[in-house]
Amino acid sequence: MRARIAAISSLALVLALLSLGVFAEAGQRNRSIEASGVLEDKIFVVSVPAELALLTAEAGGRGASMSSPVRANKPIGRVDVVKVELGAIVKRDDVLLSVAGELAAANLERAKAQFEQIVATIESLEGTRGDLAHSRAELSETEAELKAKARVLKKRHDQAEVSLSLARKLKDASEIKAGAAGRVRELKASEGMVAYPGQKLMLIANEQTMRLDVYLPVDEAILVEAGDDVEVGVDAWPGHVFKGKIAGVGAKAIFAPSNSASGELELVRVMRVLIEVVNEDGILKSGMPADARIAAAK
């Protein structure tokens, strides 16, 4: 009897422990993590492509090469045309403006002409070699000279082909396109202005999506991952839940920035978590404090 009672007690204990484990696991899966931050506009910077500096290097007599050192303070050329106005709504890949377009077009035509000339010379050389096949007496000595010329022309052909490919890329780069849809928030470009490599010409704000940076302690940050759902609330709209998703998690732990650290986080290692929030009807504004509830995936 005692043995039976002991067995029943042991079984009950095992079941109890299993139940606790199941509930703990369920609690872990359903765990939500809360954090706060400030909403910011999702901004895309439109700048002058640095590779366009190769146009001025070519114009100055230097060979255009992607590895050529080019001074960043040297102007590329002028803004040919600006196709948008401040406040305009643009779509992805819309042409916003062109920089040094005429210079890029001239560079492309020159590269085409050089390439075509090399191809014509090679074809002429091949024709000469064919004619010499009928003159066996002169063939040995002359063919050796032709082979040497052919090797040189082959190198020039390869160089001209690379230059033509680069010229096409530079021509494409001279037309600066929108990298994302949004509204032109800031416009610094004007027709005729001198442009420099990397110079910021305009800002495009995505009004359909806001950005929210929050900082989580490492033990919480490892529980979340890109794609996790987030519920966001703001004081201006009490009770309203805005949908969001985690766009990325920082790769390393840092001390929380002073402008975002609470008393609990200021001396704790944290990881930055970037959240993208759907801006329903455009009612969210940059600078709004926001609270995020993250549904942890683990």
Protein backbone atom coordinates (compact mmCIF):
# COMPACT_ATOMS: atom_id res chain seq x y z
CA MET A 1 0.00 0.00 0.00
CA ARG A 2 2.79 2.37 0.93
CA ALA A 3 4.57 1.59 -2.31
CA ARG A 4 1.38 2.36 -4.25
CA ILE A 5 0.90 5.67 -2.44
CA ALA A 6 4.52 6.59 -3.09
CA ALA A 7 4.14 5.78 -6.79
CA ILE A 8 0.98 7.89 -7.03
CA SER A 9 2.72 10.77 -5.24
CA SER A 10 5.70 10.57 -7.57
CA LEU A 11 3.40 10.54 -10.61
CA ALA A 12 1.53 13.56 -9.31
CA LEU A 13 4.79 15.41 -8.75
CA VAL A 14 5.97 14.65 -12.30
CA LEU A 15 2.67 15.84 -13.76
CA ALA A 16 2.85 19.01 -11.70
CA LEU A 17 6.38 19.75 -12.92
CA LEU A 18 5.38 19.07 -16.51
CA SER A 19 2.43 21.43 -16.16
CA LEU A 20 4.68 24.16 -14.78
CA GLY A 21 7.06 23.63 -17.71
CA VAL A 22 4.23 23.87 -20.24
CA PHE A 23 2.87 27.04 -18.66
CA ALA A 24 6.35 28.54 -18.46
CA GLU A 25 7.01 27.73 -22.12
CA ALA A 26 3.66 29.17 -23.15
CA GLY A 27 4.39 32.27 -21.13
CA GLN A 28 7.76 32.57 -22.83
CA ARG A 29 6.20 32.22 -26.29
CA ASN A 30 3.48 34.75 -25.52
CA ARG A 31 5.84 37.16 -23.86
CA SER A 32 5.60 40.76 -24.96
CA ILE A 33 8.36 43.29 -24.52
CA GLU A 34 7.62 46.95 -23.92
CA ALA A 35 9.81 49.92 -24.80
CA SER A 36 9.47 53.63 -25.53
CA GLY A 37 10.99 56.03 -28.03
CA VAL A 38 10.27 58.98 -30.30
CA LEU A 39 8.79 58.70 -33.79
CA GLU A 40 10.90 60.01 -36.65
CA ASP A 41 10.30 60.49 -40.34
CA LYS A 42 11.76 57.82 -42.58
CA ILE A 43 14.06 60.02 -44.66
CA PHE A 44 15.91 59.20 -47.88
CA VAL A 45 18.83 61.47 -48.78
CA VAL A 46 19.37 62.24 -52.47
CA SER A 47 22.99 63.12 -53.18
CA VAL A 48 25.38 63.44 -56.11
CA PRO A 49 26.83 60.00 -56.97
CA ALA A 50 30.52 60.03 -56.07
CA GLU A 51 31.43 58.05 -59.19
CA LEU A 52 30.51 61.06 -61.33
CA ALA A 53 33.81 62.57 -60.19
CA LEU A 54 35.41 60.27 -62.78
CA LEU A 55 33.91 62.50 -65.46
CA THR A 56 36.09 65.43 -64.39
CA ALA A 57 39.08 63.10 -64.13
CA GLU A 58 38.52 62.00 -67.74
CA ALA A 59 37.96 65.56 -68.92
CA GLY A 60 41.22 66.56 -67.26
CA GLY A 61 43.15 64.03 -69.27
CA ARG A 62 43.38 61.29 -66.67
CA GLY A 63 42.16 57.80 -67.50
CA ALA A 64 38.74 57.09 -66.01
CA SER A 65 39.05 54.27 -63.50
CA MET A 66 36.82 53.25 -60.61
CA SER A 67 39.96 52.99 -58.49
CA SER A 68 41.32 56.41 -59.45
CA PRO A 69 41.74 58.67 -56.41
CA VAL A 70 39.50 61.70 -56.87
CA ARG A 71 39.37 64.70 -54.58
CA ALA A 72 35.95 65.12 -52.99
CA ASN A 73 36.24 68.94 -53.10
CA LYS A 74 36.55 69.02 -56.88
CA PRO A 75 33.27 69.93 -58.63
CA ILE A 76 31.73 67.43 -61.04
CA GLY A 77 29.75 69.82 -63.17
CA ARG A 78 26.46 71.66 -63.11
CA VAL A 79 22.91 70.59 -62.41
CA ASP A 80 21.32 70.44 -65.86
CA VAL A 81 17.66 70.20 -64.91
CA VAL A 82 15.55 69.72 -61.78
CA LYS A 83 12.32 67.84 -62.49
CA VAL A 84 10.59 68.11 -59.09
CA GLU A 85 9.46 70.89 -56.80
CA LEU A 86 9.45 71.22 -53.04
CA GLY A 87 6.49 69.27 -51.65
CA ALA A 88 6.07 67.11 -54.75
CA ILE A 89 5.17 63.45 -54.31
CA VAL A 90 7.50 61.10 -56.18
CA LYS A 91 7.52 57.38 -56.92
CA ARG A 92 10.47 55.05 -56.73
CA ASP A 93 12.80 55.34 -59.75
CA ASP A 94 11.32 58.68 -60.86
CA VAL A 95 14.01 60.90 -62.39
CA LEU A 96 14.54 63.78 -59.96
CA LEU A 97 17.31 65.75 -61.65
CA SER A 98 20.38 65.35 -63.84
CA VAL A 99 23.94 66.38 -63.04
CA ALA A 100 26.62 66.87 -65.69
CA GLY A 101 24.41 65.10 -68.23
CA GLU A 102 25.98 66.83 -71.22
CA LEU A 103 29.48 65.94 -70.01
CA ALA A 104 28.42 62.33 -69.44
CA ALA A 105 26.85 62.13 -72.91
CA ALA A 106 29.99 63.54 -74.55
CA ASN A 107 32.12 61.08 -72.56
CA LEU A 108 29.93 58.20 -73.75
CA GLU A 109 30.13 59.26 -77.40
CA ARG A 110 33.90 59.53 -77.17
CA ALA A 111 34.16 56.04 -75.63
CA LYS A 112 31.89 54.63 -78.37
CA ALA A 113 34.03 56.20 -81.09
CA GLN A 114 37.25 54.81 -79.59
CA PHE A 115 35.73 51.34 -79.25
CA GLU A 116 34.40 51.33 -82.82
CA GLN A 117 37.77 52.49 -84.15
CA ILE A 118 39.57 49.64 -82.38
CA VAL A 119 37.05 47.11 -83.70
CA ALA A 120 37.48 48.43 -87.27
CA THR A 121 41.29 48.21 -86.98
CA ILE A 122 41.09 44.62 -85.76
CA GLU A 123 38.78 43.69 -88.65
CA SER A 124 41.18 45.32 -91.10
CA LEU A 125 44.09 43.41 -89.61
CA GLU A 126 42.23 40.12 -89.89
CA GLY A 127 41.53 40.91 -93.54
CA THR A 128 45.24 41.58 -94.15
CA ARG A 129 46.16 38.26 -92.57
CA GLY A 130 43.69 36.51 -94.88
CA ASP A 131 45.22 38.17 -97.96
CA LEU A 132 48.71 37.10 -96.92
CA ALA A 133 47.64 33.47 -96.82
CA HIS A 134 47.88 33.53 -100.62
CA SER A 135 51.47 34.71 -100.55
CA ARG A 136 53.39 31.92 -98.82
CA ALA A 137 56.82 33.44 -99.50
CA GLU A 138 56.13 36.56 -97.41
CA LEU A 139 53.81 34.90 -94.92
CA SER A 140 56.30 33.80 -92.24
CA GLU A 141 57.93 37.17 -91.54
CA THR A 142 54.87 39.35 -92.05
CA GLU A 143 52.55 37.11 -90.03
CA ALA A 144 54.84 37.43 -87.00
CA GLU A 145 54.52 41.22 -87.20
CA LEU A 146 50.76 40.95 -87.58
CA LYS A 147 50.49 38.67 -84.55
CA ALA A 148 52.40 41.21 -82.46
CA LYS A 149 50.04 43.97 -83.64
CA ALA A 150 47.06 41.73 -82.92
CA ARG A 151 48.18 41.27 -79.31
CA VAL A 152 48.51 45.02 -78.83
CA LEU A 153 45.11 45.63 -80.45
CA LYS A 154 43.53 42.95 -78.23
CA LYS A 155 44.70 44.83 -75.13
CA ARG A 156 43.43 48.13 -76.54
CA HIS A 157 40.13 46.46 -77.40
CA ASP A 158 39.71 45.24 -73.81
CA GLN A 159 40.58 48.68 -72.44
CA ALA A 160 38.16 50.39 -74.83
CA GLU A 161 35.42 47.93 -73.86
CA VAL A 162 35.93 48.69 -70.15
CA SER A 163 35.93 52.44 -70.85
CA LEU A 164 32.69 52.13 -72.83
CA SER A 165 31.03 50.17 -70.02
CA LEU A 166 32.15 52.77 -67.47
CA ALA A 167 30.95 55.63 -69.67
CA ARG A 168 27.50 54.03 -69.88
CA LYS A 169 27.36 53.69 -66.10
CA LEU A 170 28.36 57.33 -65.66
CA LYS A 171 25.69 58.42 -68.14
CA ASP A 172 23.09 56.49 -66.14
CA ALA A 173 24.42 57.97 -62.89
CA SER A 174 24.03 61.50 -64.26
CA GLU A 175 20.24 60.98 -64.07
CA ILE A 176 19.54 60.82 -60.35
CA LYS A 177 16.44 58.79 -59.51
CA ALA A 178 14.29 58.46 -56.40
CA GLY A 179 15.35 55.51 -54.27
CA ALA A 180 11.93 55.37 -52.61
CA ALA A 181 8.46 56.86 -52.85
CA GLY A 182 7.60 59.88 -50.73
CA ARG A 183 7.32 63.66 -50.57
CA VAL A 184 10.17 66.05 -51.36
CA ARG A 185 10.77 67.53 -47.91
CA GLU A 186 13.89 69.58 -48.62
CA LEU A 187 15.22 70.78 -51.99
CA LYS A 188 18.68 72.29 -52.29
CA ALA A 189 19.25 71.69 -56.01
CA SER A 190 18.72 74.38 -58.63
CA GLU A 191 19.47 74.44 -62.33
CA GLY A 192 22.96 75.70 -63.09
CA MET A 193 24.38 75.16 -59.59
CA VAL A 194 27.81 73.54 -59.30
CA ALA A 195 27.62 70.00 -57.91
CA TYR A 196 30.21 68.18 -55.81
CA PRO A 197 30.63 64.44 -55.15
CA GLY A 198 28.38 63.29 -52.32
CA GLN A 199 26.64 66.66 -52.02
CA LYS A 200 23.11 66.41 -50.59
CA LEU A 201 20.58 67.81 -53.02
CA MET A 202 17.22 66.88 -51.51
CA LEU A 203 15.42 64.86 -48.85
CA ILE A 204 12.46 62.57 -49.51
CA ALA A 205 10.19 61.66 -46.61
CA ASN A 206 8.14 58.46 -46.71
CA GLU A 207 4.84 59.60 -45.20
CA GLN A 208 3.32 56.12 -45.15
CA THR A 209 5.88 54.70 -42.74
CA MET A 210 7.44 56.18 -39.60
CA ARG A 211 10.63 55.11 -37.87
CA LEU A 212 10.86 54.31 -34.17
CA ASP A 213 14.18 53.51 -32.48
CA VAL A 214 14.01 51.79 -29.09
CA TYR A 215 16.73 50.31 -26.89
CA LEU A 216 16.30 46.96 -25.15
CA PRO A 217 18.49 45.23 -22.57
CA VAL A 218 20.49 42.44 -24.18
CA ASP A 219 18.49 39.67 -22.52
CA GLU A 220 15.31 41.06 -24.11
CA ALA A 221 16.84 42.07 -27.44
CA ILE A 222 17.92 38.49 -28.18
CA LEU A 223 14.27 37.43 -28.00
CA VAL A 224 13.19 39.64 -30.90
CA GLU A 225 14.06 39.52 -34.59
CA ALA A 226 13.29 41.28 -37.85
CA GLY A 227 9.70 40.75 -38.93
CA ASP A 228 8.21 40.50 -35.42
CA ASP A 229 4.90 42.31 -35.04
CA VAL A 230 4.79 45.46 -32.92
CA GLU A 231 1.88 47.42 -31.48
CA VAL A 232 2.56 51.13 -31.08
CA GLY A 233 0.63 53.70 -29.10
CA VAL A 234 0.99 57.50 -28.86
CA ASP A 235 -0.35 59.93 -26.27
CA ALA A 236 -2.09 62.00 -28.94
CA TRP A 237 -4.34 59.03 -29.82
CA PRO A 238 -5.04 57.22 -26.55
CA GLY A 239 -6.35 53.69 -26.99
CA HIS A 240 -5.47 53.57 -30.71
CA VAL A 241 -3.00 50.88 -31.76
CA PHE A 242 -0.76 51.44 -34.77
CA LYS A 243 0.72 48.41 -36.50
CA GLY A 244 4.42 48.01 -36.97
CA LYS A 245 7.20 45.51 -37.56
CA ILE A 246 10.79 45.20 -36.45
CA ALA A 247 13.02 46.25 -39.35
CA GLY A 248 16.32 45.36 -37.72
CA VAL A 249 18.20 44.66 -34.50
CA GLY A 250 21.61 46.16 -33.73
CA ALA A 251 24.61 43.89 -34.18
CA LYS A 252 26.33 44.83 -30.93
CA ALA A 253 25.51 45.91 -27.40
CA ILE A 254 26.09 49.53 -26.41
CA PHE A 255 25.30 51.84 -23.51
CA ALA A 256 21.95 53.51 -24.10
CA PRO A 257 22.22 57.04 -25.55
CA SER A 258 21.63 59.72 -22.94
CA ASN A 259 18.64 61.13 -24.83
CA SER A 260 16.82 57.79 -24.71
CA ALA A 261 18.00 56.23 -21.44
CA SER A 262 15.74 55.91 -18.44
CA GLY A 263 17.11 55.42 -14.96
CA GLU A 264 16.83 51.69 -15.48
CA LEU A 265 18.84 51.62 -18.73
CA GLU A 266 21.54 54.25 -18.37
CA LEU A 267 24.10 51.83 -16.89
CA VAL A 268 22.91 48.70 -18.71
CA ARG A 269 24.15 47.32 -22.01
CA VAL A 270 21.41 47.62 -24.59
CA MET A 271 20.82 46.87 -28.26
CA ARG A 272 19.15 49.21 -30.74
CA VAL A 273 15.92 47.94 -32.29
CA LEU A 274 14.53 49.69 -35.37
CA ILE A 275 10.75 49.58 -35.80
CA GLU A 276 8.79 50.66 -38.87
CA VAL A 277 5.30 51.92 -38.01
CA VAL A 278 2.41 52.19 -40.48
CA ASN A 279 1.29 55.84 -40.50
CA GLU A 280 -2.47 55.45 -40.88
CA ASP A 281 -3.97 58.43 -42.72
CA GLY A 282 -0.78 60.37 -42.03
CA ILE A 283 -1.79 61.19 -38.45
CA LEU A 284 1.56 60.29 -36.90
CA LYS A 285 4.10 63.11 -36.81
CA SER A 286 7.83 63.27 -36.26
CA GLY A 287 8.72 63.96 -32.63
CA MET A 288 5.73 62.17 -31.08
CA PRO A 289 6.68 60.02 -28.05
CA ALA A 290 5.57 56.44 -28.63
CA ASP A 291 5.28 53.22 -26.65
CA ALA A 292 5.94 49.91 -28.38
CA ARG A 293 4.79 46.44 -27.41
CA ILE A 294 6.77 43.76 -29.23
CA ALA A 295 5.41 40.24 -29.62
CA ALA A 296 8.62 38.25 -29.10
CA ALA A 297 9.08 35.41 -31.58
CA LYS A 298 10.91 33.19 -29.07
